[in-house]
Amino acid sequence: MTDMLYRTHPYRKSAVGRVMALTPEGGIVPDASIFYAKGGGQPGDSGHIAWDGGGCDIAGAVKGVEDAIVLVPAEESPLPPLGAEIEMRLDWDRRHRFMRMHTALHLLSVVVPLPVTGGQIGAEKSRLDFVMPEVIFDRDFIQDRLTQLIAEDHAVTEEWITEAELDANPGLVKTLSVQPPRGAGHIRLVRIGTTDAPVDLQPCGGTHVRSTAEIGAVEVGKIENKGKSNRRISIILV
């Protein structure tokens, strides 16, 4: 099991770990990782690792077996020896854009309170797909309301509930295509706003900024028709 430092310390840009295993495909399994593993529409982090006598660029990170995080080196990179201590350094600018984007998509799901059929987070452009047979929210309304929520500077925090508590509150899950991972007995919730009056509260394993004002300016794209009952709404970091 890899200690997911990106979850407890999302603003940490570097850390030291140790190589627990090397996969047959050439991946590196550390005992702790600041690299977010691809999942939930958010790409895996990139960056660099260094060890005594060597180093390599990390192109991404993915989930392995039994809660392991696998770092994927860039092509034709040397690998550290098993048991080696490694220093991990994030491509922080890229990660921070993902954090801003992911938080902004949570707000988009508030502005458009419809079931989500899919989504993707990018460093420049991100999107959510909604069950929306007819366009009931025009672009200007979405832009104005999203800008307002960002400017209100709501705090972004997390809490944990049991799987049984989630089962008793199925409305917390907004996504139809992706369900929260189960098996550990507990589910992570990301809250925007206060406990008494949350703007948003939903299961999520991704990385987020501390407050909505940190998202900065975003531009809402056009509402695209992606099927009989599906509409896609994109946002761009300005």
C-alpha atoms as a PDB file:
ATOM      1  CA  MET A   1       0.000   0.000   0.000  1.00  0.00           C
ATOM      2  CA  THR A   2       1.313   3.432  -0.961  1.00  0.00           C
ATOM      3  CA  ASP A   3       0.823   6.355   1.420  1.00  0.00           C
ATOM      4  CA  MET A   4      -1.189   8.803  -0.708  1.00  0.00           C
ATOM      5  CA  LEU A   5       0.498  12.051   0.320  1.00  0.00           C
ATOM      6  CA  TYR A   6      -1.368  13.951  -2.402  1.00  0.00           C
ATOM      7  CA  ARG A   7      -4.567  13.317  -0.488  1.00  0.00           C
ATOM      8  CA  THR A   8      -3.401  14.537   2.931  1.00  0.00           C
ATOM      9  CA  HIS A   9      -0.976  17.192   1.627  1.00  0.00           C
ATOM     10  CA  PRO A  10      -2.234  18.351  -1.795  1.00  0.00           C
ATOM     11  CA  TYR A  11       0.005  21.434  -1.756  1.00  0.00           C
ATOM     12  CA  ARG A  12       3.197  19.492  -1.155  1.00  0.00           C
ATOM     13  CA  LYS A  13       5.549  19.894  -4.109  1.00  0.00           C
ATOM     14  CA  SER A  14       8.305  17.473  -3.100  1.00  0.00           C
ATOM     15  CA  ALA A  15       8.759  14.504  -0.785  1.00  0.00           C
ATOM     16  CA  VAL A  16      11.045  11.575  -0.080  1.00  0.00           C
ATOM     17  CA  GLY A  17       9.978   7.965  -0.489  1.00  0.00           C
ATOM     18  CA  ARG A  18      11.411   4.510  -1.000  1.00  0.00           C
ATOM     19  CA  VAL A  19      10.996   2.068  -3.884  1.00  0.00           C
ATOM     20  CA  MET A  20       8.914  -0.892  -2.721  1.00  0.00           C
ATOM     21  CA  ALA A  21       8.624  -2.635  -6.087  1.00  0.00           C
ATOM     22  CA  LEU A  22       9.240  -2.398  -9.820  1.00  0.00           C
ATOM     23  CA  THR A  23       6.488  -3.646 -12.108  1.00  0.00           C
ATOM     24  CA  PRO A  24       7.107  -5.881 -15.154  1.00  0.00           C
ATOM     25  CA  GLU A  25       6.036  -2.947 -17.344  1.00  0.00           C
ATOM     26  CA  GLY A  26       8.758  -0.712 -15.900  1.00  0.00           C
ATOM     27  CA  GLY A  27       6.668   1.161 -13.349  1.00  0.00           C
ATOM     28  CA  ILE A  28       7.962   2.287  -9.958  1.00  0.00           C
ATOM     29  CA  VAL A  29       5.953   1.592  -6.793  1.00  0.00           C
ATOM     30  CA  PRO A  30       6.957   3.943  -3.936  1.00  0.00           C
ATOM     31  CA  ASP A  31       5.961   3.586  -0.288  1.00  0.00           C
ATOM     32  CA  ALA A  32       4.623   7.166  -0.423  1.00  0.00           C
ATOM     33  CA  SER A  33       3.547   9.334  -3.360  1.00  0.00           C
ATOM     34  CA  ILE A  34       2.885  13.005  -3.967  1.00  0.00           C
ATOM     35  CA  PHE A  35       1.943  12.046  -7.539  1.00  0.00           C
ATOM     36  CA  TYR A  36      -1.837  11.764  -7.944  1.00  0.00           C
ATOM     37  CA  ALA A  37      -2.810   8.499  -9.623  1.00  0.00           C
ATOM     38  CA  LYS A  38      -5.059   8.861 -12.666  1.00  0.00           C
ATOM     39  CA  GLY A  39      -8.729   8.432 -11.803  1.00  0.00           C
ATOM     40  CA  GLY A  40     -12.115  10.118 -11.636  1.00  0.00           C
ATOM     41  CA  GLY A  41     -11.433  12.108 -14.802  1.00  0.00           C
ATOM     42  CA  GLN A  42      -8.271  13.671 -13.364  1.00  0.00           C
ATOM     43  CA  PRO A  43      -4.955  12.801 -15.101  1.00  0.00           C
ATOM     44  CA  GLY A  44      -2.026  11.385 -13.176  1.00  0.00           C
ATOM     45  CA  ASP A  45       0.650  13.832 -12.096  1.00  0.00           C
ATOM     46  CA  SER A  46       3.976  14.270 -13.836  1.00  0.00           C
ATOM     47  CA  GLY A  47       7.333  15.426 -12.525  1.00  0.00           C
ATOM     48  CA  HIS A  48      10.761  14.030 -11.668  1.00  0.00           C
ATOM     49  CA  ILE A  49      12.342  11.600  -9.229  1.00  0.00           C
ATOM     50  CA  ALA A  50      15.994  11.419  -8.216  1.00  0.00           C
ATOM     51  CA  TRP A  51      18.045   8.863  -6.315  1.00  0.00           C
ATOM     52  CA  ASP A  52      21.690   8.358  -5.449  1.00  0.00           C
ATOM     53  CA  GLY A  53      23.386   8.091  -8.824  1.00  0.00           C
ATOM     54  CA  GLY A  54      20.409   8.691 -11.055  1.00  0.00           C
ATOM     55  CA  GLY A  55      17.034  10.170 -11.842  1.00  0.00           C
ATOM     56  CA  CYS A  56      14.194  10.100 -14.352  1.00  0.00           C
ATOM     57  CA  ASP A  57      11.188  12.078 -15.480  1.00  0.00           C
ATOM     58  CA  ILE A  58       7.759  10.780 -14.477  1.00  0.00           C
ATOM     59  CA  ALA A  59       5.191  10.945 -17.259  1.00  0.00           C
ATOM     60  CA  GLY A  60       2.232   9.999 -15.052  1.00  0.00           C
ATOM     61  CA  ALA A  61       0.936   7.880 -12.198  1.00  0.00           C
ATOM     62  CA  VAL A  62      -1.696   5.137 -12.146  1.00  0.00           C
ATOM     63  CA  LYS A  63      -3.356   2.895  -9.589  1.00  0.00           C
ATOM     64  CA  GLY A  64      -1.833  -0.527  -9.077  1.00  0.00           C
ATOM     65  CA  VAL A  65      -2.994  -3.533  -7.097  1.00  0.00           C
ATOM     66  CA  GLU A  66      -3.894  -3.356  -3.407  1.00  0.00           C
ATOM     67  CA  ASP A  67      -3.831   0.460  -3.152  1.00  0.00           C
ATOM     68  CA  ALA A  68      -0.384   0.771  -4.689  1.00  0.00           C
ATOM     69  CA  ILE A  69       0.518   3.844  -6.744  1.00  0.00           C
ATOM     70  CA  VAL A  70       2.644   3.159  -9.819  1.00  0.00           C
ATOM     71  CA  LEU A  71       4.848   5.936 -11.191  1.00  0.00           C
ATOM     72  CA  VAL A  72       5.238   5.698 -14.962  1.00  0.00           C
ATOM     73  CA  PRO A  73       8.663   6.874 -16.177  1.00  0.00           C
ATOM     74  CA  ALA A  74       9.122   8.691 -19.443  1.00  0.00           C
ATOM     75  CA  GLU A  75      10.209   6.467 -22.304  1.00  0.00           C
ATOM     76  CA  GLU A  76      13.717   4.984 -22.173  1.00  0.00           C
ATOM     77  CA  SER A  77      14.347   6.251 -18.642  1.00  0.00           C
ATOM     78  CA  PRO A  78      16.613   4.502 -16.134  1.00  0.00           C
ATOM     79  CA  LEU A  79      14.939   2.893 -13.127  1.00  0.00           C
ATOM     80  CA  PRO A  80      15.984   3.189  -9.497  1.00  0.00           C
ATOM     81  CA  PRO A  81      17.082   0.021  -7.701  1.00  0.00           C
ATOM     82  CA  LEU A  82      14.650  -1.772  -5.418  1.00  0.00           C
ATOM     83  CA  GLY A  83      14.730  -0.234  -1.939  1.00  0.00           C
ATOM     84  CA  ALA A  84      16.347   3.006  -3.113  1.00  0.00           C
ATOM     85  CA  GLU A  85      15.393   6.288  -1.475  1.00  0.00           C
ATOM     86  CA  ILE A  86      13.890   8.669  -4.018  1.00  0.00           C
ATOM     87  CA  GLU A  87      13.174  12.379  -3.969  1.00  0.00           C
ATOM     88  CA  MET A  88       9.908  13.185  -5.763  1.00  0.00           C
ATOM     89  CA  ARG A  89       9.288  16.588  -7.345  1.00  0.00           C
ATOM     90  CA  LEU A  90       5.939  17.513  -8.897  1.00  0.00           C
ATOM     91  CA  ASP A  91       5.278  19.466 -12.053  1.00  0.00           C
ATOM     92  CA  TRP A  92       3.478  21.853  -9.736  1.00  0.00           C
ATOM     93  CA  ASP A  93       2.071  24.281 -12.305  1.00  0.00           C
ATOM     94  CA  ARG A  94       0.314  21.395 -14.077  1.00  0.00           C
ATOM     95  CA  ARG A  95      -0.989  19.879 -10.828  1.00  0.00           C
ATOM     96  CA  HIS A  96      -2.279  23.232  -9.554  1.00  0.00           C
ATOM     97  CA  ARG A  97      -4.236  23.760 -12.770  1.00  0.00           C
ATOM     98  CA  PHE A  98      -5.834  20.350 -12.260  1.00  0.00           C
ATOM     99  CA  MET A  99      -6.741  21.334  -8.678  1.00  0.00           C
ATOM    100  CA  ARG A 100      -8.342  24.562  -9.864  1.00  0.00           C
ATOM    101  CA  MET A 101     -10.168  22.795 -12.680  1.00  0.00           C
ATOM    102  CA  HIS A 102     -11.437  19.952 -10.489  1.00  0.00           C
ATOM    103  CA  THR A 103     -12.856  22.376  -7.942  1.00  0.00           C
ATOM    104  CA  ALA A 104     -14.450  24.437 -10.710  1.00  0.00           C
ATOM    105  CA  LEU A 105     -16.195  21.339 -12.070  1.00  0.00           C
ATOM    106  CA  HIS A 106     -17.706  20.708  -8.640  1.00  0.00           C
ATOM    107  CA  LEU A 107     -19.159  24.217  -8.813  1.00  0.00           C
ATOM    108  CA  LEU A 108     -20.395  23.601 -12.364  1.00  0.00           C
ATOM    109  CA  SER A 109     -22.352  20.622 -11.026  1.00  0.00           C
ATOM    110  CA  VAL A 110     -23.966  23.018  -8.559  1.00  0.00           C
ATOM    111  CA  VAL A 111     -24.917  25.551 -11.216  1.00  0.00           C
ATOM    112  CA  VAL A 112     -26.313  22.755 -13.396  1.00  0.00           C
ATOM    113  CA  PRO A 113     -27.987  20.435 -10.828  1.00  0.00           C
ATOM    114  CA  LEU A 114     -28.521  17.495 -13.190  1.00  0.00           C
ATOM    115  CA  PRO A 115     -27.076  13.947 -13.206  1.00  0.00           C
ATOM    116  CA  VAL A 116     -23.515  13.818 -14.576  1.00  0.00           C
ATOM    117  CA  THR A 117     -22.787  11.181 -17.212  1.00  0.00           C
ATOM    118  CA  GLY A 118     -19.076  11.846 -17.632  1.00  0.00           C
ATOM    119  CA  GLY A 119     -16.289  14.347 -17.265  1.00  0.00           C
ATOM    120  CA  GLN A 120     -12.657  15.078 -17.996  1.00  0.00           C
ATOM    121  CA  ILE A 121     -10.133  17.380 -16.344  1.00  0.00           C
ATOM    122  CA  GLY A 122      -7.423  19.088 -18.383  1.00  0.00           C
ATOM    123  CA  ALA A 123      -4.806  21.712 -17.695  1.00  0.00           C
ATOM    124  CA  GLU A 124      -6.422  24.133 -20.144  1.00  0.00           C
ATOM    125  CA  LYS A 125      -9.944  22.864 -20.750  1.00  0.00           C
ATOM    126  CA  SER A 126     -12.269  20.598 -18.766  1.00  0.00           C
ATOM    127  CA  ARG A 127     -15.842  19.408 -19.176  1.00  0.00           C
ATOM    128  CA  LEU A 128     -18.849  17.702 -17.653  1.00  0.00           C
ATOM    129  CA  ASP A 129     -21.589  15.844 -19.517  1.00  0.00           C
ATOM    130  CA  PHE A 130     -25.119  16.087 -18.141  1.00  0.00           C
ATOM    131  CA  VAL A 131     -28.435  14.335 -18.629  1.00  0.00           C
ATOM    132  CA  MET A 132     -30.114  17.317 -20.303  1.00  0.00           C
ATOM    133  CA  PRO A 133     -32.628  16.387 -23.050  1.00  0.00           C
ATOM    134  CA  GLU A 134     -33.383  20.079 -23.566  1.00  0.00           C
ATOM    135  CA  VAL A 135     -31.101  23.052 -22.913  1.00  0.00           C
ATOM    136  CA  ILE A 136     -32.572  24.553 -19.742  1.00  0.00           C
ATOM    137  CA  PHE A 137     -29.578  26.677 -18.710  1.00  0.00           C
ATOM    138  CA  ASP A 138     -28.070  29.060 -21.250  1.00  0.00           C
ATOM    139  CA  ARG A 139     -24.371  29.842 -21.387  1.00  0.00           C
ATOM    140  CA  ASP A 140     -24.696  33.369 -19.931  1.00  0.00           C
ATOM    141  CA  PHE A 141     -26.580  32.100 -16.890  1.00  0.00           C
ATOM    142  CA  ILE A 142     -23.973  29.388 -16.246  1.00  0.00           C
ATOM    143  CA  GLN A 143     -21.120  31.871 -16.696  1.00  0.00           C
ATOM    144  CA  ASP A 144     -22.600  34.440 -14.313  1.00  0.00           C
ATOM    145  CA  ARG A 145     -23.505  31.938 -11.604  1.00  0.00           C
ATOM    146  CA  LEU A 146     -20.167  30.103 -11.809  1.00  0.00           C
ATOM    147  CA  THR A 147     -18.251  33.382 -11.622  1.00  0.00           C
ATOM    148  CA  GLN A 148     -20.289  34.385  -8.590  1.00  0.00           C
ATOM    149  CA  LEU A 149     -19.609  31.138  -6.723  1.00  0.00           C
ATOM    150  CA  ILE A 150     -15.884  31.410  -7.402  1.00  0.00           C
ATOM    151  CA  ALA A 151     -15.766  35.026  -6.197  1.00  0.00           C
ATOM    152  CA  GLU A 152     -17.640  34.181  -2.982  1.00  0.00           C
ATOM    153  CA  ASP A 153     -14.460  32.433  -1.779  1.00  0.00           C
ATOM    154  CA  HIS A 154     -16.058  29.352  -0.236  1.00  0.00           C
ATOM    155  CA  ALA A 155     -13.763  27.086   1.769  1.00  0.00           C
ATOM    156  CA  VAL A 156     -13.021  23.626   0.342  1.00  0.00           C
ATOM    157  CA  THR A 157     -12.611  20.886   2.950  1.00  0.00           C
ATOM    158  CA  GLU A 158     -12.965  17.125   3.287  1.00  0.00           C
ATOM    159  CA  GLU A 159     -14.568  14.649   5.630  1.00  0.00           C
ATOM    160  CA  TRP A 160     -15.032  10.883   5.759  1.00  0.00           C
ATOM    161  CA  ILE A 161     -18.163   8.810   6.089  1.00  0.00           C
ATOM    162  CA  THR A 162     -18.823   5.085   6.163  1.00  0.00           C
ATOM    163  CA  GLU A 163     -20.098   3.167   3.162  1.00  0.00           C
ATOM    164  CA  ALA A 164     -23.308   2.582   5.095  1.00  0.00           C
ATOM    165  CA  GLU A 165     -23.750   6.342   5.534  1.00  0.00           C
ATOM    166  CA  LEU A 166     -23.314   6.827   1.788  1.00  0.00           C
ATOM    167  CA  ASP A 167     -25.875   4.109   1.099  1.00  0.00           C
ATOM    168  CA  ALA A 168     -28.299   6.012   3.329  1.00  0.00           C
ATOM    169  CA  ASN A 169     -27.648   9.216   1.339  1.00  0.00           C
ATOM    170  CA  PRO A 170     -27.417   8.120  -2.335  1.00  0.00           C
ATOM    171  CA  GLY A 171     -28.128  11.682  -3.498  1.00  0.00           C
ATOM    172  CA  LEU A 172     -24.547  12.605  -2.588  1.00  0.00           C
ATOM    173  CA  VAL A 173     -23.355  10.790  -5.714  1.00  0.00           C
ATOM    174  CA  LYS A 174     -23.840  13.011  -8.768  1.00  0.00           C
ATOM    175  CA  THR A 175     -22.035  10.910 -11.351  1.00  0.00           C
ATOM    176  CA  LEU A 176     -23.838   8.089 -13.133  1.00  0.00           C
ATOM    177  CA  SER A 177     -20.779   6.582 -14.842  1.00  0.00           C
ATOM    178  CA  VAL A 178     -18.318   6.604 -11.923  1.00  0.00           C
ATOM    179  CA  GLN A 179     -19.127   5.405  -8.421  1.00  0.00           C
ATOM    180  CA  PRO A 180     -16.962   5.999  -5.327  1.00  0.00           C
ATOM    181  CA  PRO A 181     -14.470   3.183  -4.715  1.00  0.00           C
ATOM    182  CA  ARG A 182     -15.623   0.703  -2.092  1.00  0.00           C
ATOM    183  CA  GLY A 183     -13.968  -1.928   0.005  1.00  0.00           C
ATOM    184  CA  ALA A 184     -12.052   0.190   2.505  1.00  0.00           C
ATOM    185  CA  GLY A 185     -15.174   0.811   4.590  1.00  0.00           C
ATOM    186  CA  HIS A 186     -15.032   4.601   4.323  1.00  0.00           C
ATOM    187  CA  ILE A 187     -15.708   7.235   1.665  1.00  0.00           C
ATOM    188  CA  ARG A 188     -14.060  10.640   1.257  1.00  0.00           C
ATOM    189  CA  LEU A 189     -16.399  13.604   0.793  1.00  0.00           C
ATOM    190  CA  VAL A 190     -15.308  16.992  -0.544  1.00  0.00           C
ATOM    191  CA  ARG A 191     -17.276  19.906   0.863  1.00  0.00           C
ATOM    192  CA  ILE A 192     -17.490  23.401  -0.609  1.00  0.00           C
ATOM    193  CA  GLY A 193     -18.872  25.915   1.882  1.00  0.00           C
ATOM    194  CA  THR A 194     -19.768  25.495   5.533  1.00  0.00           C
ATOM    195  CA  THR A 195     -21.050  22.436   7.366  1.00  0.00           C
ATOM    196  CA  ASP A 196     -24.348  24.155   8.103  1.00  0.00           C
ATOM    197  CA  ALA A 197     -24.847  25.520   4.598  1.00  0.00           C
ATOM    198  CA  PRO A 198     -22.733  23.603   2.070  1.00  0.00           C
ATOM    199  CA  VAL A 199     -22.586  24.800  -1.512  1.00  0.00           C
ATOM    200  CA  ASP A 200     -21.603  21.290  -2.586  1.00  0.00           C
ATOM    201  CA  LEU A 201     -20.907  17.962  -0.909  1.00  0.00           C
ATOM    202  CA  GLN A 202     -20.030  14.853  -2.885  1.00  0.00           C
ATOM    203  CA  PRO A 203     -17.699  11.825  -2.863  1.00  0.00           C
ATOM    204  CA  CYS A 204     -14.399  12.556  -4.590  1.00  0.00           C
ATOM    205  CA  GLY A 205     -10.840  11.261  -4.462  1.00  0.00           C
ATOM    206  CA  GLY A 206      -9.246  14.086  -6.455  1.00  0.00           C
ATOM    207  CA  THR A 207      -7.145  17.094  -5.493  1.00  0.00           C
ATOM    208  CA  HIS A 208      -8.703  20.527  -4.928  1.00  0.00           C
ATOM    209  CA  VAL A 209      -7.742  24.071  -4.010  1.00  0.00           C
ATOM    210  CA  ARG A 210      -8.358  25.428  -0.496  1.00  0.00           C
ATOM    211  CA  SER A 211     -11.025  27.918  -1.526  1.00  0.00           C
ATOM    212  CA  THR A 212     -13.073  28.750  -4.584  1.00  0.00           C
ATOM    213  CA  ALA A 213     -11.394  32.136  -5.097  1.00  0.00           C
ATOM    214  CA  GLU A 214      -8.156  30.275  -5.847  1.00  0.00           C
ATOM    215  CA  ILE A 215      -9.774  28.841  -8.975  1.00  0.00           C
ATOM    216  CA  GLY A 216      -9.476  32.210 -10.675  1.00  0.00           C
ATOM    217  CA  ALA A 217     -11.281  33.270 -13.822  1.00  0.00           C
ATOM    218  CA  VAL A 218     -12.915  30.627 -15.992  1.00  0.00           C
ATOM    219  CA  GLU A 219     -14.753  30.896 -19.288  1.00  0.00           C
ATOM    220  CA  VAL A 220     -17.753  28.710 -20.019  1.00  0.00           C
ATOM    221  CA  GLY A 221     -17.793  27.226 -23.513  1.00  0.00           C
ATOM    222  CA  LYS A 222     -20.767  26.432 -25.673  1.00  0.00           C
ATOM    223  CA  ILE A 223     -23.311  23.794 -24.683  1.00  0.00           C
ATOM    224  CA  GLU A 224     -22.744  20.860 -27.042  1.00  0.00           C
ATOM    225  CA  ASN A 225     -25.217  18.167 -28.022  1.00  0.00           C
ATOM    226  CA  LYS A 226     -23.626  14.761 -27.351  1.00  0.00           C
ATOM    227  CA  GLY A 227     -26.616  12.508 -27.847  1.00  0.00           C
ATOM    228  CA  LYS A 228     -30.367  12.330 -27.460  1.00  0.00           C
ATOM    229  CA  SER A 229     -30.327  13.301 -23.779  1.00  0.00           C
ATOM    230  CA  ASN A 230     -26.712  14.337 -23.259  1.00  0.00           C
ATOM    231  CA  ARG A 231     -25.242  17.856 -23.197  1.00  0.00           C
ATOM    232  CA  ARG A 232     -21.566  18.751 -22.699  1.00  0.00           C
ATOM    233  CA  ILE A 233     -20.441  21.945 -20.968  1.00  0.00           C
ATOM    234  CA  SER A 234     -16.769  22.898 -21.067  1.00  0.00           C
ATOM    235  CA  ILE A 235     -14.797  25.420 -19.044  1.00  0.00           C
ATOM    236  CA  ILE A 236     -11.463  27.051 -19.810  1.00  0.00           C
ATOM    237  CA  LEU A 237      -9.021  28.627 -17.359  1.00  0.00           C
ATOM    238  CA  VAL A 238      -8.527  32.231 -18.425  1.00  0.00           C
END
